[in-house]
Amino acid sequence: MPAAVIALKQGFGRLIRSVKDRGLLALLDNRVLKQRYGRVFVESLPAYKRTKDLAEVEQFFGAR
């Protein structure tokens, strides 16, 4: 599991490199929220906005 957490963190770092970058990380495996070990994955990421609301995701892609 530690390798998977590192891979997720590195992937996120490649997506967002500066404050001007925009991106969305979708974690579609609900074990991240439902299993105890999922907390390790979530806490390894920077403190960016999080949502479970699909409408917010659609708004993100529609906004410029």
PDB file of N, CA and C in Angstrom:
ATOM      1  N   MET A   1       0.806  -1.202   0.000  1.00  0.00           N
ATOM      2  CA  MET A   1       0.000   0.000   0.000  1.00  0.00           C
ATOM      3  C   MET A   1       0.852   1.271   0.000  1.00  0.00           C
ATOM      4  N   PRO A   2       1.971   1.316   0.696  1.00  0.00           N
ATOM      5  CA  PRO A   2       2.758   2.556   0.668  1.00  0.00           C
ATOM      6  C   PRO A   2       3.139   2.995  -0.752  1.00  0.00           C
ATOM      7  N   ALA A   3       3.439   2.043  -1.625  1.00  0.00           N
ATOM      8  CA  ALA A   3       3.793   2.396  -3.006  1.00  0.00           C
ATOM      9  C   ALA A   3       2.605   3.013  -3.732  1.00  0.00           C
ATOM     10  N   ALA A   4       1.404   2.527  -3.467  1.00  0.00           N
ATOM     11  CA  ALA A   4       0.202   3.071  -4.100  1.00  0.00           C
ATOM     12  C   ALA A   4      -0.064   4.497  -3.626  1.00  0.00           C
ATOM     13  N   VAL A   5       0.164   4.768  -2.353  1.00  0.00           N
ATOM     14  CA  VAL A   5      -0.026   6.121  -1.808  1.00  0.00           C
ATOM     15  C   VAL A   5       0.979   7.072  -2.450  1.00  0.00           C
ATOM     16  N   ILE A   6       2.208   6.644  -2.575  1.00  0.00           N
ATOM     17  CA  ILE A   6       3.237   7.483  -3.195  1.00  0.00           C
ATOM     18  C   ILE A   6       2.903   7.751  -4.657  1.00  0.00           C
ATOM     19  N   ALA A   7       2.437   6.737  -5.378  1.00  0.00           N
ATOM     20  CA  ALA A   7       2.076   6.904  -6.788  1.00  0.00           C
ATOM     21  C   ALA A   7       0.926   7.902  -6.944  1.00  0.00           C
ATOM     22  N   LEU A   8      -0.064   7.842  -6.066  1.00  0.00           N
ATOM     23  CA  LEU A   8      -1.183   8.783  -6.112  1.00  0.00           C
ATOM     24  C   LEU A   8      -0.689  10.201  -5.851  1.00  0.00           C
ATOM     25  N   LYS A   9       0.126  10.359  -4.849  1.00  0.00           N
ATOM     26  CA  LYS A   9       0.651  11.676  -4.487  1.00  0.00           C
ATOM     27  C   LYS A   9       1.495  12.258  -5.626  1.00  0.00           C
ATOM     28  N   GLN A  10       2.333  11.445  -6.239  1.00  0.00           N
ATOM     29  CA  GLN A  10       3.153  11.906  -7.362  1.00  0.00           C
ATOM     30  C   GLN A  10       2.294  12.270  -8.562  1.00  0.00           C
ATOM     31  N   GLY A  11       1.269  11.476  -8.830  1.00  0.00           N
ATOM     32  CA  GLY A  11       0.365  11.778  -9.948  1.00  0.00           C
ATOM     33  C   GLY A  11      -0.345  13.088  -9.747  1.00  0.00           C
ATOM     34  N   PHE A  12      -0.785  13.353  -8.528  1.00  0.00           N
ATOM     35  CA  PHE A  12      -1.436  14.629  -8.229  1.00  0.00           C
ATOM     36  C   PHE A  12      -0.449  15.769  -8.414  1.00  0.00           C
ATOM     37  N   GLY A  13       0.783  15.569  -8.001  1.00  0.00           N
ATOM     38  CA  GLY A  13       1.814  16.595  -8.159  1.00  0.00           C
ATOM     39  C   GLY A  13       2.098  16.913  -9.612  1.00  0.00           C
ATOM     40  N   ARG A  14       1.951  15.933 -10.483  1.00  0.00           N
ATOM     41  CA  ARG A  14       2.147  16.179 -11.921  1.00  0.00           C
ATOM     42  C   ARG A  14       0.964  16.915 -12.526  1.00  0.00           C
ATOM     43  N   LEU A  15      -0.207  16.768 -11.937  1.00  0.00           N
ATOM     44  CA  LEU A  15      -1.410  17.437 -12.434  1.00  0.00           C
ATOM     45  C   LEU A  15      -1.398  18.916 -12.073  1.00  0.00           C
ATOM     46  N   ILE A  16      -1.095  19.234 -10.845  1.00  0.00           N
ATOM     47  CA  ILE A  16      -1.109  20.609 -10.350  1.00  0.00           C
ATOM     48  C   ILE A  16       0.309  20.997  -9.953  1.00  0.00           C
ATOM     49  N   ARG A  17       0.932  21.851 -10.756  1.00  0.00           N
ATOM     50  CA  ARG A  17       2.313  22.245 -10.485  1.00  0.00           C
ATOM     51  C   ARG A  17       2.436  23.675  -9.983  1.00  0.00           C
ATOM     52  N   SER A  18       1.468  24.534 -10.288  1.00  0.00           N
ATOM     53  CA  SER A  18       1.534  25.921  -9.825  1.00  0.00           C
ATOM     54  C   SER A  18       0.135  26.395  -9.455  1.00  0.00           C
ATOM     55  N   VAL A  19       0.050  27.570  -8.835  1.00  0.00           N
ATOM     56  CA  VAL A  19      -1.256  28.087  -8.411  1.00  0.00           C
ATOM     57  C   VAL A  19      -2.143  28.448  -9.598  1.00  0.00           C
ATOM     58  N   LYS A  20      -1.565  28.592 -10.782  1.00  0.00           N
ATOM     59  CA  LYS A  20      -2.356  28.925 -11.976  1.00  0.00           C
ATOM     60  C   LYS A  20      -2.906  27.682 -12.673  1.00  0.00           C
ATOM     61  N   ASP A  21      -2.392  26.525 -12.344  1.00  0.00           N
ATOM     62  CA  ASP A  21      -2.866  25.274 -12.952  1.00  0.00           C
ATOM     63  C   ASP A  21      -4.249  24.913 -12.436  1.00  0.00           C
ATOM     64  N   ARG A  22      -5.030  24.293 -13.311  1.00  0.00           N
ATOM     65  CA  ARG A  22      -6.353  23.795 -12.930  1.00  0.00           C
ATOM     66  C   ARG A  22      -6.411  22.323 -13.282  1.00  0.00           C
ATOM     67  N   GLY A  23      -7.071  21.565 -12.461  1.00  0.00           N
ATOM     68  CA  GLY A  23      -7.207  20.145 -12.738  1.00  0.00           C
ATOM     69  C   GLY A  23      -8.178  19.514 -11.769  1.00  0.00           C
ATOM     70  N   LEU A  24      -8.513  18.282 -12.063  1.00  0.00           N
ATOM     71  CA  LEU A  24      -9.451  17.560 -11.219  1.00  0.00           C
ATOM     72  C   LEU A  24      -8.939  16.140 -11.070  1.00  0.00           C
ATOM     73  N   LEU A  25      -8.847  15.691  -9.851  1.00  0.00           N
ATOM     74  CA  LEU A  25      -8.455  14.319  -9.545  1.00  0.00           C
ATOM     75  C   LEU A  25      -9.714  13.576  -9.123  1.00  0.00           C
ATOM     76  N   ALA A  26     -10.066  12.556  -9.860  1.00  0.00           N
ATOM     77  CA  ALA A  26     -11.258  11.764  -9.535  1.00  0.00           C
ATOM     78  C   ALA A  26     -10.817  10.421  -8.962  1.00  0.00           C
ATOM     79  N   LEU A  27     -11.165  10.189  -7.720  1.00  0.00           N
ATOM     80  CA  LEU A  27     -10.921   8.894  -7.084  1.00  0.00           C
ATOM     81  C   LEU A  27     -12.250   8.147  -7.104  1.00  0.00           C
ATOM     82  N   LEU A  28     -12.385   7.240  -8.023  1.00  0.00           N
ATOM     83  CA  LEU A  28     -13.669   6.588  -8.273  1.00  0.00           C
ATOM     84  C   LEU A  28     -13.846   5.280  -7.508  1.00  0.00           C
ATOM     85  N   ASP A  29     -12.880   4.920  -6.711  1.00  0.00           N
ATOM     86  CA  ASP A  29     -12.971   3.710  -5.902  1.00  0.00           C
ATOM     87  C   ASP A  29     -13.484   4.112  -4.520  1.00  0.00           C
ATOM     88  N   ASN A  30     -14.698   3.716  -4.177  1.00  0.00           N
ATOM     89  CA  ASN A  30     -15.306   4.168  -2.925  1.00  0.00           C
ATOM     90  C   ASN A  30     -14.621   3.619  -1.678  1.00  0.00           C
ATOM     91  N   ARG A  31     -13.701   2.688  -1.839  1.00  0.00           N
ATOM     92  CA  ARG A  31     -12.950   2.199  -0.681  1.00  0.00           C
ATOM     93  C   ARG A  31     -12.101   3.306  -0.059  1.00  0.00           C
ATOM     94  N   VAL A  32     -11.766   4.322  -0.842  1.00  0.00           N
ATOM     95  CA  VAL A  32     -10.991   5.449  -0.321  1.00  0.00           C
ATOM     96  C   VAL A  32     -11.761   6.140   0.803  1.00  0.00           C
ATOM     97  N   LEU A  33     -13.078   6.129   0.731  1.00  0.00           N
ATOM     98  CA  LEU A  33     -13.891   6.767   1.765  1.00  0.00           C
ATOM     99  C   LEU A  33     -14.468   5.768   2.769  1.00  0.00           C
ATOM    100  N   LYS A  34     -14.672   4.534   2.341  1.00  0.00           N
ATOM    101  CA  LYS A  34     -15.373   3.572   3.195  1.00  0.00           C
ATOM    102  C   LYS A  34     -14.471   2.675   4.024  1.00  0.00           C
ATOM    103  N   GLN A  35     -13.240   2.487   3.582  1.00  0.00           N
ATOM    104  CA  GLN A  35     -12.327   1.612   4.307  1.00  0.00           C
ATOM    105  C   GLN A  35     -11.372   2.444   5.159  1.00  0.00           C
ATOM    106  N   ARG A  36     -10.973   1.887   6.240  1.00  0.00           N
ATOM    107  CA  ARG A  36     -10.085   2.599   7.160  1.00  0.00           C
ATOM    108  C   ARG A  36      -8.760   2.983   6.501  1.00  0.00           C
ATOM    109  N   TYR A  37      -8.221   2.096   5.661  1.00  0.00           N
ATOM    110  CA  TYR A  37      -6.944   2.390   5.016  1.00  0.00           C
ATOM    111  C   TYR A  37      -7.070   3.503   3.974  1.00  0.00           C
ATOM    112  N   GLY A  38      -8.281   3.808   3.524  1.00  0.00           N
ATOM    113  CA  GLY A  38      -8.498   4.872   2.552  1.00  0.00           C
ATOM    114  C   GLY A  38      -8.077   6.231   3.069  1.00  0.00           C
ATOM    115  N   ARG A  39      -8.164   6.407   4.378  1.00  0.00           N
ATOM    116  CA  ARG A  39      -7.771   7.682   4.992  1.00  0.00           C
ATOM    117  C   ARG A  39      -6.310   8.006   4.678  1.00  0.00           C
ATOM    118  N   VAL A  40      -5.466   6.986   4.605  1.00  0.00           N
ATOM    119  CA  VAL A  40      -4.052   7.188   4.296  1.00  0.00           C
ATOM    120  C   VAL A  40      -3.904   7.833   2.915  1.00  0.00           C
ATOM    121  N   PHE A  41      -4.699   7.376   1.960  1.00  0.00           N
ATOM    122  CA  PHE A  41      -4.652   7.941   0.614  1.00  0.00           C
ATOM    123  C   PHE A  41      -5.116   9.397   0.623  1.00  0.00           C
ATOM    124  N   VAL A  42      -6.247   9.656   1.238  1.00  0.00           N
ATOM    125  CA  VAL A  42      -6.824  10.999   1.256  1.00  0.00           C
ATOM    126  C   VAL A  42      -5.900  11.972   1.986  1.00  0.00           C
ATOM    127  N   GLU A  43      -5.345  11.558   3.095  1.00  0.00           N
ATOM    128  CA  GLU A  43      -4.485  12.448   3.880  1.00  0.00           C
ATOM    129  C   GLU A  43      -3.122  12.677   3.230  1.00  0.00           C
ATOM    130  N   SER A  44      -2.757  11.858   2.267  1.00  0.00           N
ATOM    131  CA  SER A  44      -1.478  12.063   1.579  1.00  0.00           C
ATOM    132  C   SER A  44      -1.548  13.188   0.555  1.00  0.00           C
ATOM    133  N   LEU A  45      -2.764  13.591   0.194  1.00  0.00           N
ATOM    134  CA  LEU A  45      -2.954  14.635  -0.817  1.00  0.00           C
ATOM    135  C   LEU A  45      -2.981  16.025  -0.172  1.00  0.00           C
ATOM    136  N   PRO A  46      -2.620  17.050  -0.946  1.00  0.00           N
ATOM    137  CA  PRO A  46      -2.719  18.413  -0.417  1.00  0.00           C
ATOM    138  C   PRO A  46      -4.168  18.757  -0.074  1.00  0.00           C
ATOM    139  N   ALA A  47      -4.350  19.772   0.730  1.00  0.00           N
ATOM    140  CA  ALA A  47      -5.683  20.169   1.198  1.00  0.00           C
ATOM    141  C   ALA A  47      -6.385  21.039   0.153  1.00  0.00           C
ATOM    142  N   TYR A  48      -6.838  20.425  -0.908  1.00  0.00           N
ATOM    143  CA  TYR A  48      -7.623  21.113  -1.932  1.00  0.00           C
ATOM    144  C   TYR A  48      -9.097  20.813  -1.714  1.00  0.00           C
ATOM    145  N   LYS A  49      -9.946  21.539  -2.428  1.00  0.00           N
ATOM    146  CA  LYS A  49     -11.392  21.338  -2.317  1.00  0.00           C
ATOM    147  C   LYS A  49     -11.739  19.906  -2.705  1.00  0.00           C
ATOM    148  N   ARG A  50     -12.637  19.319  -1.936  1.00  0.00           N
ATOM    149  CA  ARG A  50     -13.110  17.963  -2.214  1.00  0.00           C
ATOM    150  C   ARG A  50     -14.624  17.975  -2.305  1.00  0.00           C
ATOM    151  N   THR A  51     -15.150  17.095  -3.141  1.00  0.00           N
ATOM    152  CA  THR A  51     -16.603  17.007  -3.281  1.00  0.00           C
ATOM    153  C   THR A  51     -17.003  15.603  -3.692  1.00  0.00           C
ATOM    154  N   LYS A  52     -18.241  15.272  -3.389  1.00  0.00           N
ATOM    155  CA  LYS A  52     -18.865  14.044  -3.885  1.00  0.00           C
ATOM    156  C   LYS A  52     -20.012  14.403  -4.827  1.00  0.00           C
ATOM    157  N   ASP A  53     -20.202  15.702  -5.056  1.00  0.00           N
ATOM    158  CA  ASP A  53     -21.330  16.224  -5.822  1.00  0.00           C
ATOM    159  C   ASP A  53     -20.967  16.342  -7.306  1.00  0.00           C
ATOM    160  N   LEU A  54     -21.606  15.536  -8.146  1.00  0.00           N
ATOM    161  CA  LEU A  54     -21.334  15.543  -9.584  1.00  0.00           C
ATOM    162  C   LEU A  54     -21.611  16.910 -10.203  1.00  0.00           C
ATOM    163  N   ALA A  55     -22.598  17.633  -9.704  1.00  0.00           N
ATOM    164  CA  ALA A  55     -22.906  18.960 -10.239  1.00  0.00           C
ATOM    165  C   ALA A  55     -21.721  19.916 -10.058  1.00  0.00           C
ATOM    166  N   GLU A  56     -21.007  19.800  -8.953  1.00  0.00           N
ATOM    167  CA  GLU A  56     -19.830  20.637  -8.741  1.00  0.00           C
ATOM    168  C   GLU A  56     -18.720  20.290  -9.732  1.00  0.00           C
ATOM    169  N   VAL A  57     -18.583  19.017 -10.053  1.00  0.00           N
ATOM    170  CA  VAL A  57     -17.591  18.580 -11.035  1.00  0.00           C
ATOM    171  C   VAL A  57     -17.958  19.150 -12.415  1.00  0.00           C
ATOM    172  N   GLU A  58     -19.213  19.054 -12.779  1.00  0.00           N
ATOM    173  CA  GLU A  58     -19.661  19.601 -14.061  1.00  0.00           C
ATOM    174  C   GLU A  58     -19.441  21.103 -14.114  1.00  0.00           C
ATOM    175  N   GLN A  59     -19.700  21.787 -13.011  1.00  0.00           N
ATOM    176  CA  GLN A  59     -19.479  23.234 -12.940  1.00  0.00           C
ATOM    177  C   GLN A  59     -17.999  23.552 -13.105  1.00  0.00           C
ATOM    178  N   PHE A  60     -17.131  22.761 -12.519  1.00  0.00           N
ATOM    179  CA  PHE A  60     -15.694  22.970 -12.652  1.00  0.00           C
ATOM    180  C   PHE A  60     -15.287  22.939 -14.119  1.00  0.00           C
ATOM    181  N   PHE A  61     -15.786  21.965 -14.865  1.00  0.00           N
ATOM    182  CA  PHE A  61     -15.419  21.852 -16.265  1.00  0.00           C
ATOM    183  C   PHE A  61     -16.061  22.928 -17.128  1.00  0.00           C
ATOM    184  N   GLY A  62     -17.197  23.454 -16.685  1.00  0.00           N
ATOM    185  CA  GLY A  62     -17.848  24.520 -17.438  1.00  0.00           C
ATOM    186  C   GLY A  62     -17.275  25.888 -17.151  1.00  0.00           C
ATOM    187  N   ALA A  63     -16.641  26.064 -16.014  1.00  0.00           N
ATOM    188  CA  ALA A  63     -16.095  27.364 -15.592  1.00  0.00           C
ATOM    189  C   ALA A  63     -14.765  27.624 -16.268  1.00  0.00           C
ATOM    190  N   ARG A  64     -14.497  28.856 -16.533  1.00  0.00           N
ATOM    191  CA  ARG A  64     -13.198  29.262 -17.105  1.00  0.00           C
ATOM    192  C   ARG A  64     -12.625  30.384 -16.307  1.00  0.00           C
TER     193      ARG A  64
END
